[in-house]
């Protein structure tokens, strides 16, 4: 049970009681670390980037306007940090032809991705996620793992809502193609 709201802790930190930042850190650090780890695929890098995120959060706390939830604001910082890091490290991703994607129906994608239930299927999905660019992987993770709405993902990613929907549609098709290839 949460004793105080995020706003309470933010106001306390801004008024000089920096020890209250530990409450925000405790509340969000595991979720932020999980997102970053799944984007960068390296535990040490994820730990370092998570620390970077909370340093940025602390330093920028006075710029939090409250026009979105505090968790959405933190996720935006985490998203940008993780995606920027992967761009600098020059990961190589599997290219999927446009023709492969256009031959996949939405029903096939829904059916296939909806059937992921056992550990072997989850493992294959994790491998498939590792083969797509970090920004695409982050969108999927925010939606499915962090259970963020399309509106929240739009705020977090800085993309328009229609762009988020379009990219999610394409990424889901990519995952479908990758999972099919792993089965064969």
N, C-alpha and C. Protein backbone atom coordinates (compact mmCIF):
# COMPACT_ATOMS: atom_id res chain seq x y z
N UNK A 1 0.84 -1.18 0.00
CA UNK A 1 0.00 0.00 0.00
C UNK A 1 0.88 1.25 0.00
N UNK A 2 0.60 2.15 -0.89
CA UNK A 2 1.37 3.38 -1.01
C UNK A 2 0.86 4.39 0.02
N UNK A 3 1.78 4.92 0.81
CA UNK A 3 1.38 5.89 1.83
C UNK A 3 1.13 7.26 1.24
N UNK A 4 1.98 7.65 0.30
CA UNK A 4 1.86 8.98 -0.29
C UNK A 4 1.91 8.87 -1.82
N UNK A 5 1.45 9.89 -2.48
CA UNK A 5 1.46 9.90 -3.94
C UNK A 5 2.82 10.32 -4.46
N UNK A 6 3.03 10.09 -5.75
CA UNK A 6 4.27 10.55 -6.39
C UNK A 6 4.41 12.05 -6.24
N UNK A 7 3.30 12.76 -6.39
CA UNK A 7 3.32 14.22 -6.29
C UNK A 7 3.83 14.68 -4.93
N UNK A 8 3.42 13.98 -3.87
CA UNK A 8 3.88 14.30 -2.53
C UNK A 8 5.41 14.19 -2.45
N UNK A 9 5.93 13.05 -2.93
CA UNK A 9 7.38 12.84 -2.88
C UNK A 9 8.12 13.85 -3.75
N UNK A 10 7.59 14.14 -4.91
CA UNK A 10 8.21 15.11 -5.81
C UNK A 10 8.29 16.48 -5.12
N UNK A 11 7.19 16.91 -4.51
CA UNK A 11 7.17 18.21 -3.83
C UNK A 11 8.16 18.24 -2.66
N UNK A 12 8.26 17.12 -1.95
CA UNK A 12 9.21 17.05 -0.83
C UNK A 12 10.65 17.16 -1.33
N UNK A 13 10.96 16.43 -2.43
CA UNK A 13 12.31 16.49 -2.99
C UNK A 13 12.62 17.90 -3.46
N UNK A 14 11.68 18.51 -4.15
CA UNK A 14 11.89 19.86 -4.68
C UNK A 14 12.02 20.90 -3.57
N UNK A 15 11.43 20.62 -2.42
CA UNK A 15 11.54 21.57 -1.31
C UNK A 15 12.77 21.29 -0.45
N UNK A 16 13.62 20.36 -0.89
CA UNK A 16 14.89 20.16 -0.19
C UNK A 16 15.04 18.83 0.52
N UNK A 17 13.99 18.07 0.69
CA UNK A 17 14.08 16.78 1.38
C UNK A 17 14.43 15.70 0.35
N UNK A 18 15.71 15.69 -0.06
CA UNK A 18 16.14 14.79 -1.12
C UNK A 18 16.06 13.32 -0.73
N UNK A 19 15.95 13.04 0.55
CA UNK A 19 15.83 11.63 0.98
C UNK A 19 14.52 11.01 0.47
N UNK A 20 13.53 11.82 0.17
CA UNK A 20 12.26 11.31 -0.35
C UNK A 20 12.40 10.75 -1.76
N UNK A 21 13.50 11.09 -2.44
CA UNK A 21 13.73 10.54 -3.77
C UNK A 21 13.88 9.02 -3.70
N UNK A 22 14.36 8.52 -2.58
CA UNK A 22 14.53 7.07 -2.41
C UNK A 22 13.19 6.34 -2.56
N UNK A 23 12.11 6.97 -2.14
CA UNK A 23 10.78 6.35 -2.27
C UNK A 23 10.40 6.20 -3.74
N UNK A 24 10.70 7.22 -4.54
CA UNK A 24 10.42 7.15 -5.98
C UNK A 24 11.33 6.13 -6.65
N UNK A 25 12.57 6.10 -6.22
CA UNK A 25 13.52 5.13 -6.74
C UNK A 25 13.06 3.70 -6.44
N UNK A 26 12.65 3.47 -5.20
CA UNK A 26 12.16 2.14 -4.81
C UNK A 26 10.94 1.73 -5.63
N UNK A 27 10.08 2.67 -5.88
CA UNK A 27 8.83 2.36 -6.58
C UNK A 27 9.06 2.03 -8.06
N UNK A 28 9.99 2.72 -8.72
CA UNK A 28 10.12 2.59 -10.17
C UNK A 28 11.39 1.89 -10.67
N UNK A 29 12.35 1.67 -9.82
CA UNK A 29 13.64 1.17 -10.32
C UNK A 29 13.54 -0.21 -10.97
N UNK A 30 12.79 -1.13 -10.39
CA UNK A 30 12.68 -2.47 -10.98
C UNK A 30 12.02 -2.44 -12.35
N UNK A 31 10.97 -1.66 -12.50
CA UNK A 31 10.26 -1.57 -13.78
C UNK A 31 11.15 -0.93 -14.84
N UNK A 32 11.85 0.12 -14.48
CA UNK A 32 12.73 0.81 -15.42
C UNK A 32 13.88 -0.11 -15.82
N UNK A 33 14.46 -0.78 -14.85
CA UNK A 33 15.55 -1.71 -15.15
C UNK A 33 15.07 -2.83 -16.07
N UNK A 34 13.90 -3.37 -15.83
CA UNK A 34 13.37 -4.45 -16.67
C UNK A 34 13.20 -3.99 -18.11
N UNK A 35 12.65 -2.81 -18.30
CA UNK A 35 12.48 -2.28 -19.65
C UNK A 35 13.84 -2.09 -20.34
N UNK A 36 14.75 -1.45 -19.66
CA UNK A 36 16.06 -1.18 -20.25
C UNK A 36 16.80 -2.48 -20.56
N UNK A 37 16.75 -3.43 -19.66
CA UNK A 37 17.44 -4.71 -19.88
C UNK A 37 16.90 -5.41 -21.12
N UNK A 38 15.60 -5.39 -21.28
CA UNK A 38 15.01 -6.05 -22.44
C UNK A 38 15.33 -5.31 -23.75
N UNK A 39 15.63 -4.03 -23.65
CA UNK A 39 16.00 -3.27 -24.85
C UNK A 39 17.48 -3.49 -25.19
N UNK A 40 18.37 -3.45 -24.20
CA UNK A 40 19.81 -3.50 -24.47
C UNK A 40 20.40 -4.92 -24.39
N UNK A 41 19.71 -5.84 -23.78
CA UNK A 41 20.14 -7.25 -23.69
C UNK A 41 21.49 -7.44 -23.01
N UNK A 42 21.80 -6.61 -22.05
CA UNK A 42 23.05 -6.76 -21.32
C UNK A 42 22.82 -6.25 -19.89
N UNK A 43 23.03 -7.15 -18.93
CA UNK A 43 22.70 -6.83 -17.54
C UNK A 43 23.51 -5.65 -17.00
N UNK A 44 24.83 -5.65 -17.25
CA UNK A 44 25.68 -4.57 -16.72
C UNK A 44 25.30 -3.22 -17.34
N UNK A 45 25.09 -3.23 -18.66
CA UNK A 45 24.69 -2.00 -19.32
C UNK A 45 23.34 -1.51 -18.80
N UNK A 46 22.42 -2.45 -18.58
CA UNK A 46 21.10 -2.08 -18.08
C UNK A 46 21.19 -1.46 -16.69
N UNK A 47 22.06 -2.01 -15.85
CA UNK A 47 22.22 -1.45 -14.51
C UNK A 47 22.78 -0.03 -14.58
N UNK A 48 23.78 0.15 -15.43
CA UNK A 48 24.39 1.47 -15.57
C UNK A 48 23.39 2.47 -16.16
N UNK A 49 22.65 2.03 -17.18
CA UNK A 49 21.67 2.92 -17.81
C UNK A 49 20.52 3.26 -16.85
N UNK A 50 20.13 2.30 -16.02
CA UNK A 50 19.09 2.56 -15.02
C UNK A 50 19.56 3.64 -14.05
N UNK A 51 20.81 3.55 -13.62
CA UNK A 51 21.36 4.60 -12.76
C UNK A 51 21.36 5.94 -13.47
N UNK A 52 21.76 5.93 -14.75
CA UNK A 52 21.75 7.16 -15.54
C UNK A 52 20.35 7.77 -15.60
N UNK A 53 19.35 6.90 -15.79
CA UNK A 53 17.96 7.38 -15.88
C UNK A 53 17.58 8.09 -14.59
N UNK A 54 17.89 7.50 -13.44
CA UNK A 54 17.47 8.11 -12.19
C UNK A 54 18.28 9.36 -11.84
N UNK A 55 19.50 9.44 -12.33
CA UNK A 55 20.25 10.70 -12.19
C UNK A 55 19.55 11.78 -13.01
N UNK A 56 19.17 11.43 -14.25
CA UNK A 56 18.45 12.38 -15.10
C UNK A 56 17.11 12.77 -14.48
N UNK A 57 16.40 11.80 -13.92
CA UNK A 57 15.11 12.08 -13.28
C UNK A 57 15.31 13.06 -12.13
N UNK A 58 16.30 12.78 -11.29
CA UNK A 58 16.56 13.66 -10.15
C UNK A 58 16.93 15.07 -10.61
N UNK A 59 17.82 15.15 -11.59
CA UNK A 59 18.28 16.45 -12.07
C UNK A 59 17.18 17.23 -12.79
N UNK A 60 16.22 16.52 -13.37
CA UNK A 60 15.16 17.17 -14.17
C UNK A 60 13.83 17.23 -13.44
N UNK A 61 13.80 16.83 -12.20
CA UNK A 61 12.54 16.74 -11.46
C UNK A 61 11.75 18.04 -11.48
N UNK A 62 12.44 19.16 -11.42
CA UNK A 62 11.72 20.44 -11.41
C UNK A 62 11.03 20.73 -12.75
N UNK A 63 11.45 20.02 -13.83
CA UNK A 63 10.81 20.23 -15.13
C UNK A 63 9.58 19.33 -15.33
N UNK A 64 9.32 18.43 -14.38
CA UNK A 64 8.12 17.60 -14.49
C UNK A 64 6.89 18.48 -14.26
N UNK A 65 6.06 18.58 -15.31
CA UNK A 65 4.91 19.49 -15.27
C UNK A 65 3.63 18.83 -14.79
N UNK A 66 3.58 17.52 -14.80
CA UNK A 66 2.37 16.83 -14.36
C UNK A 66 1.32 16.69 -15.45
N UNK A 67 1.69 16.97 -16.71
CA UNK A 67 0.72 16.83 -17.80
C UNK A 67 0.56 15.37 -18.24
N UNK A 68 1.38 14.48 -17.69
CA UNK A 68 1.22 13.03 -17.85
C UNK A 68 1.57 12.44 -16.48
N UNK A 69 1.35 11.16 -16.32
CA UNK A 69 1.68 10.55 -15.03
C UNK A 69 3.20 10.55 -14.84
N UNK A 70 3.63 10.51 -13.60
CA UNK A 70 5.05 10.50 -13.31
C UNK A 70 5.70 9.25 -13.88
N UNK A 71 5.00 8.12 -13.83
CA UNK A 71 5.58 6.88 -14.38
C UNK A 71 5.79 7.01 -15.89
N UNK A 72 4.87 7.64 -16.59
CA UNK A 72 5.02 7.86 -18.03
C UNK A 72 6.22 8.75 -18.30
N UNK A 73 6.40 9.77 -17.50
CA UNK A 73 7.54 10.67 -17.65
C UNK A 73 8.85 9.92 -17.44
N UNK A 74 8.92 9.08 -16.42
CA UNK A 74 10.12 8.28 -16.16
C UNK A 74 10.37 7.31 -17.32
N UNK A 75 9.31 6.66 -17.79
CA UNK A 75 9.47 5.72 -18.90
C UNK A 75 9.98 6.43 -20.15
N UNK A 76 9.57 7.66 -20.35
CA UNK A 76 10.07 8.40 -21.52
C UNK A 76 11.57 8.61 -21.42
N UNK A 77 12.03 8.95 -20.24
CA UNK A 77 13.47 9.13 -20.02
C UNK A 77 14.19 7.78 -20.21
N UNK A 78 13.63 6.72 -19.67
CA UNK A 78 14.23 5.38 -19.81
C UNK A 78 14.25 4.94 -21.27
N UNK A 79 13.13 5.14 -21.96
CA UNK A 79 13.02 4.78 -23.38
C UNK A 79 14.09 5.50 -24.19
N UNK A 80 14.18 6.81 -24.04
CA UNK A 80 15.15 7.60 -24.79
C UNK A 80 16.58 7.21 -24.46
N UNK A 81 16.85 6.93 -23.18
CA UNK A 81 18.19 6.53 -22.76
C UNK A 81 18.58 5.19 -23.39
N UNK A 82 17.69 4.22 -23.31
CA UNK A 82 17.99 2.88 -23.85
C UNK A 82 18.13 2.90 -25.36
N UNK A 83 17.23 3.58 -26.05
CA UNK A 83 17.27 3.63 -27.51
C UNK A 83 18.52 4.39 -27.97
N UNK A 84 18.85 5.49 -27.31
CA UNK A 84 20.06 6.25 -27.66
C UNK A 84 21.31 5.38 -27.47
N UNK A 85 21.35 4.64 -26.39
CA UNK A 85 22.49 3.77 -26.12
C UNK A 85 22.65 2.72 -27.23
N UNK A 86 21.55 2.09 -27.63
CA UNK A 86 21.66 1.05 -28.66
C UNK A 86 22.05 1.64 -30.01
N UNK A 87 21.67 2.87 -30.28
CA UNK A 87 22.08 3.51 -31.53
C UNK A 87 23.59 3.74 -31.54
N UNK A 88 24.15 4.05 -30.40
CA UNK A 88 25.60 4.30 -30.30
C UNK A 88 26.40 3.00 -30.40
N UNK A 89 25.83 1.90 -29.99
CA UNK A 89 26.57 0.64 -29.97
C UNK A 89 26.51 -0.12 -31.28
N UNK A 90 25.74 0.36 -32.23
CA UNK A 90 25.69 -0.20 -33.59
C UNK A 90 25.35 -1.70 -33.61
N UNK A 91 24.27 -2.05 -32.97
CA UNK A 91 23.79 -3.42 -33.05
C UNK A 91 23.36 -3.72 -34.48
N UNK A 92 23.51 -4.97 -34.90
CA UNK A 92 23.03 -5.37 -36.21
C UNK A 92 21.72 -6.12 -36.04
N UNK A 93 20.75 -5.77 -36.91
CA UNK A 93 19.44 -6.38 -36.83
C UNK A 93 19.11 -7.08 -38.13
N UNK A 94 18.28 -8.06 -38.02
CA UNK A 94 17.85 -8.83 -39.17
C UNK A 94 16.93 -7.99 -40.04
N UNK A 95 17.23 -7.93 -41.32
CA UNK A 95 16.38 -7.19 -42.25
C UNK A 95 15.26 -8.11 -42.73
N UNK A 96 14.06 -7.59 -42.73
CA UNK A 96 12.91 -8.35 -43.20
C UNK A 96 12.34 -7.61 -44.40
N UNK A 97 12.16 -8.33 -45.48
CA UNK A 97 11.65 -7.73 -46.71
C UNK A 97 10.21 -7.26 -46.52
N UNK A 98 9.90 -6.14 -47.14
CA UNK A 98 8.54 -5.58 -47.09
C UNK A 98 7.51 -6.58 -47.62
N UNK A 99 7.91 -7.34 -48.63
CA UNK A 99 7.00 -8.33 -49.22
C UNK A 99 6.59 -9.39 -48.20
N UNK A 100 7.54 -9.80 -47.35
CA UNK A 100 7.22 -10.78 -46.31
C UNK A 100 6.14 -10.25 -45.37
N UNK A 101 6.23 -8.98 -45.04
CA UNK A 101 5.27 -8.38 -44.11
C UNK A 101 3.90 -8.21 -44.75
N UNK A 102 3.88 -7.84 -46.02
CA UNK A 102 2.60 -7.59 -46.68
C UNK A 102 1.82 -8.89 -46.91
N UNK A 103 2.50 -10.02 -46.89
CA UNK A 103 1.83 -11.31 -47.08
C UNK A 103 1.26 -11.88 -45.79
N UNK A 104 1.41 -11.16 -44.70
CA UNK A 104 0.95 -11.65 -43.39
C UNK A 104 -0.34 -10.93 -43.03
N UNK A 105 -1.36 -11.72 -42.68
CA UNK A 105 -2.63 -11.10 -42.27
C UNK A 105 -2.62 -10.80 -40.77
N UNK A 106 -3.41 -9.83 -40.39
CA UNK A 106 -3.52 -9.46 -38.98
C UNK A 106 -4.07 -10.63 -38.15
N UNK A 107 -4.98 -11.41 -38.74
CA UNK A 107 -5.52 -12.58 -38.04
C UNK A 107 -4.43 -13.59 -37.70
N UNK A 108 -3.51 -13.82 -38.66
CA UNK A 108 -2.39 -14.74 -38.41
C UNK A 108 -1.52 -14.24 -37.26
N UNK A 109 -1.26 -12.95 -37.27
CA UNK A 109 -0.42 -12.35 -36.23
C UNK A 109 -1.10 -12.49 -34.87
N UNK A 110 -2.38 -12.12 -34.81
CA UNK A 110 -3.11 -12.21 -33.54
C UNK A 110 -3.14 -13.63 -33.01
N UNK A 111 -3.39 -14.56 -33.91
CA UNK A 111 -3.48 -15.97 -33.50
C UNK A 111 -2.12 -16.47 -33.00
N UNK A 112 -1.08 -16.17 -33.75
CA UNK A 112 0.25 -16.65 -33.40
C UNK A 112 0.76 -16.04 -32.10
N UNK A 113 0.69 -14.73 -31.99
CA UNK A 113 1.21 -14.06 -30.79
C UNK A 113 0.32 -14.32 -29.57
N UNK A 114 -0.95 -14.61 -29.81
CA UNK A 114 -1.85 -14.91 -28.70
C UNK A 114 -1.65 -16.29 -28.12
N UNK A 115 -0.95 -17.15 -28.84
CA UNK A 115 -0.74 -18.53 -28.39
C UNK A 115 0.54 -18.73 -27.60
N UNK A 116 1.28 -17.67 -27.35
CA UNK A 116 2.56 -17.80 -26.63
C UNK A 116 2.26 -17.98 -25.14
N UNK A 117 2.48 -19.20 -24.70
CA UNK A 117 2.13 -19.53 -23.32
C UNK A 117 3.24 -20.29 -22.58
N UNK A 118 3.95 -21.19 -23.25
CA UNK A 118 4.92 -22.00 -22.52
C UNK A 118 6.33 -21.40 -22.62
N UNK A 119 7.24 -21.95 -21.83
CA UNK A 119 8.59 -21.39 -21.74
C UNK A 119 9.34 -21.43 -23.07
N UNK A 120 9.15 -22.50 -23.85
CA UNK A 120 9.83 -22.61 -25.14
C UNK A 120 9.37 -21.51 -26.09
N UNK A 121 8.07 -21.24 -26.10
CA UNK A 121 7.54 -20.18 -26.96
C UNK A 121 8.02 -18.81 -26.50
N UNK A 122 8.05 -18.61 -25.20
CA UNK A 122 8.53 -17.34 -24.63
C UNK A 122 10.01 -17.14 -24.98
N UNK A 123 10.79 -18.21 -24.91
CA UNK A 123 12.20 -18.14 -25.26
C UNK A 123 12.39 -17.74 -26.73
N UNK A 124 11.59 -18.33 -27.62
CA UNK A 124 11.66 -17.98 -29.04
C UNK A 124 11.26 -16.52 -29.24
N UNK A 125 10.25 -16.07 -28.51
CA UNK A 125 9.83 -14.67 -28.62
C UNK A 125 10.96 -13.75 -28.17
N UNK A 126 11.63 -14.09 -27.09
CA UNK A 126 12.77 -13.29 -26.60
C UNK A 126 13.85 -13.20 -27.66
N UNK A 127 14.15 -14.32 -28.33
CA UNK A 127 15.16 -14.33 -29.39
C UNK A 127 14.71 -13.45 -30.56
N UNK A 128 13.43 -13.55 -30.91
CA UNK A 128 12.89 -12.73 -32.01
C UNK A 128 12.98 -11.25 -31.64
N UNK A 129 12.66 -10.92 -30.41
CA UNK A 129 12.75 -9.52 -29.97
C UNK A 129 14.18 -9.00 -30.09
N UNK A 130 15.15 -9.87 -29.86
CA UNK A 130 16.55 -9.48 -29.96
C UNK A 130 16.99 -9.20 -31.38
N UNK A 131 16.20 -9.60 -32.36
CA UNK A 131 16.57 -9.42 -33.76
C UNK A 131 15.93 -8.19 -34.40
N UNK A 132 15.17 -7.44 -33.63
CA UNK A 132 14.56 -6.22 -34.17
C UNK A 132 15.21 -5.01 -33.51
N UNK A 133 15.18 -3.86 -34.17
CA UNK A 133 15.80 -2.66 -33.60
C UNK A 133 15.23 -2.28 -32.22
N UNK A 134 16.06 -1.65 -31.43
CA UNK A 134 15.71 -1.32 -30.05
C UNK A 134 14.46 -0.48 -29.93
N UNK A 135 14.26 0.49 -30.83
CA UNK A 135 13.08 1.34 -30.71
C UNK A 135 11.81 0.53 -30.95
N UNK A 136 11.87 -0.43 -31.87
CA UNK A 136 10.70 -1.29 -32.13
C UNK A 136 10.48 -2.24 -30.95
N UNK A 137 11.57 -2.79 -30.45
CA UNK A 137 11.48 -3.70 -29.30
C UNK A 137 10.89 -2.98 -28.10
N UNK A 138 11.30 -1.74 -27.89
CA UNK A 138 10.80 -0.96 -26.75
C UNK A 138 9.29 -0.74 -26.85
N UNK A 139 8.79 -0.47 -28.06
CA UNK A 139 7.35 -0.28 -28.22
C UNK A 139 6.58 -1.53 -27.80
N UNK A 140 7.05 -2.69 -28.27
CA UNK A 140 6.40 -3.96 -27.93
C UNK A 140 6.47 -4.20 -26.43
N UNK A 141 7.62 -3.96 -25.84
CA UNK A 141 7.79 -4.19 -24.41
C UNK A 141 6.91 -3.26 -23.58
N UNK A 142 6.82 -2.02 -23.99
CA UNK A 142 5.96 -1.07 -23.25
C UNK A 142 4.50 -1.52 -23.30
N UNK A 143 4.07 -2.00 -24.45
CA UNK A 143 2.67 -2.40 -24.60
C UNK A 143 2.36 -3.72 -23.90
N UNK A 144 3.17 -4.73 -24.14
CA UNK A 144 2.85 -6.06 -23.63
C UNK A 144 3.40 -6.34 -22.23
N UNK A 145 4.60 -5.89 -21.96
CA UNK A 145 5.22 -6.21 -20.66
C UNK A 145 4.89 -5.16 -19.60
N UNK A 146 4.89 -3.91 -20.00
CA UNK A 146 4.62 -2.84 -19.04
C UNK A 146 3.15 -2.42 -19.04
N UNK A 147 2.39 -2.98 -19.98
CA UNK A 147 0.95 -2.75 -20.09
C UNK A 147 0.59 -1.26 -20.20
N UNK A 148 1.38 -0.55 -21.01
CA UNK A 148 1.10 0.85 -21.26
C UNK A 148 0.10 0.96 -22.41
N UNK A 149 -0.76 1.95 -22.35
CA UNK A 149 -1.73 2.17 -23.43
C UNK A 149 -1.02 2.79 -24.63
N UNK A 150 -1.68 2.76 -25.78
CA UNK A 150 -1.12 3.38 -26.97
C UNK A 150 -0.88 4.88 -26.73
N UNK A 151 -1.80 5.53 -26.02
CA UNK A 151 -1.63 6.95 -25.70
C UNK A 151 -0.38 7.18 -24.86
N UNK A 152 -0.18 6.33 -23.84
CA UNK A 152 1.00 6.47 -22.99
C UNK A 152 2.28 6.22 -23.80
N UNK A 153 2.25 5.21 -24.68
CA UNK A 153 3.41 4.91 -25.51
C UNK A 153 3.72 6.09 -26.42
N UNK A 154 2.70 6.75 -26.90
CA UNK A 154 2.88 7.94 -27.73
C UNK A 154 3.64 9.02 -26.95
N UNK A 155 3.25 9.24 -25.71
CA UNK A 155 3.92 10.24 -24.87
C UNK A 155 5.35 9.80 -24.57
N UNK A 156 5.51 8.52 -24.21
CA UNK A 156 6.83 8.00 -23.84
C UNK A 156 7.80 8.07 -25.02
N UNK A 157 7.34 7.65 -26.19
CA UNK A 157 8.23 7.56 -27.35
C UNK A 157 8.37 8.88 -28.10
N UNK A 158 7.43 9.80 -27.90
CA UNK A 158 7.45 11.05 -28.64
C UNK A 158 6.89 10.92 -30.05
N UNK A 159 6.29 9.76 -30.34
CA UNK A 159 5.67 9.53 -31.64
C UNK A 159 4.20 9.92 -31.58
N UNK A 160 3.61 10.23 -32.73
CA UNK A 160 2.17 10.49 -32.74
C UNK A 160 1.44 9.19 -32.48
N UNK A 161 0.21 9.29 -32.03
CA UNK A 161 -0.59 8.10 -31.75
C UNK A 161 -0.74 7.24 -33.00
N UNK A 162 -1.02 7.85 -34.14
CA UNK A 162 -1.18 7.07 -35.37
C UNK A 162 0.14 6.40 -35.77
N UNK A 163 1.27 7.07 -35.52
CA UNK A 163 2.56 6.48 -35.81
C UNK A 163 2.84 5.28 -34.90
N UNK A 164 2.47 5.39 -33.63
CA UNK A 164 2.63 4.27 -32.69
C UNK A 164 1.82 3.08 -33.17
N UNK A 165 0.57 3.31 -33.54
CA UNK A 165 -0.28 2.21 -34.01
C UNK A 165 0.28 1.57 -35.26
N UNK A 166 0.76 2.37 -36.19
CA UNK A 166 1.33 1.85 -37.43
C UNK A 166 2.59 1.03 -37.15
N UNK A 167 3.45 1.58 -36.31
CA UNK A 167 4.70 0.87 -36.00
C UNK A 167 4.43 -0.41 -35.23
N UNK A 168 3.48 -0.37 -34.31
CA UNK A 168 3.12 -1.59 -33.56
C UNK A 168 2.61 -2.67 -34.52
N UNK A 169 1.81 -2.27 -35.47
CA UNK A 169 1.27 -3.19 -36.47
C UNK A 169 2.41 -3.86 -37.24
N UNK A 170 3.36 -3.05 -37.70
CA UNK A 170 4.50 -3.57 -38.46
C UNK A 170 5.42 -4.44 -37.60
N UNK A 171 5.67 -4.03 -36.38
CA UNK A 171 6.56 -4.79 -35.50
C UNK A 171 5.94 -6.15 -35.17
N UNK A 172 4.66 -6.16 -34.93
CA UNK A 172 3.99 -7.44 -34.65
C UNK A 172 4.11 -8.38 -35.85
N UNK A 173 3.99 -7.84 -37.05
CA UNK A 173 4.17 -8.65 -38.25
C UNK A 173 5.61 -9.17 -38.36
N UNK A 174 6.57 -8.31 -38.03
CA UNK A 174 7.97 -8.73 -38.04
C UNK A 174 8.19 -9.89 -37.08
N UNK A 175 7.63 -9.76 -35.89
CA UNK A 175 7.79 -10.82 -34.90
C UNK A 175 7.16 -12.12 -35.40
N UNK A 176 6.02 -12.01 -36.03
CA UNK A 176 5.35 -13.18 -36.59
C UNK A 176 6.26 -13.86 -37.60
N UNK A 177 6.85 -13.09 -38.52
CA UNK A 177 7.74 -13.64 -39.56
C UNK A 177 8.95 -14.30 -38.90
N UNK A 178 9.55 -13.63 -37.91
CA UNK A 178 10.71 -14.18 -37.24
C UNK A 178 10.37 -15.48 -36.50
N UNK A 179 9.24 -15.51 -35.83
CA UNK A 179 8.84 -16.72 -35.11
C UNK A 179 8.57 -17.86 -36.08
N UNK A 180 7.96 -17.56 -37.21
CA UNK A 180 7.72 -18.59 -38.22
C UNK A 180 9.04 -19.16 -38.74
N UNK A 181 10.00 -18.29 -38.99
CA UNK A 181 11.30 -18.73 -39.46
C UNK A 181 12.01 -19.61 -38.43
N UNK A 182 11.83 -19.32 -37.16
CA UNK A 182 12.45 -20.13 -36.09
C UNK A 182 11.81 -21.51 -36.00
N UNK A 183 10.53 -21.60 -36.34
CA UNK A 183 9.84 -22.89 -36.33
C UNK A 183 10.33 -23.79 -37.44
N UNK A 184 10.65 -23.20 -38.58
CA UNK A 184 11.03 -23.99 -39.77
C UNK A 184 12.44 -24.54 -39.68
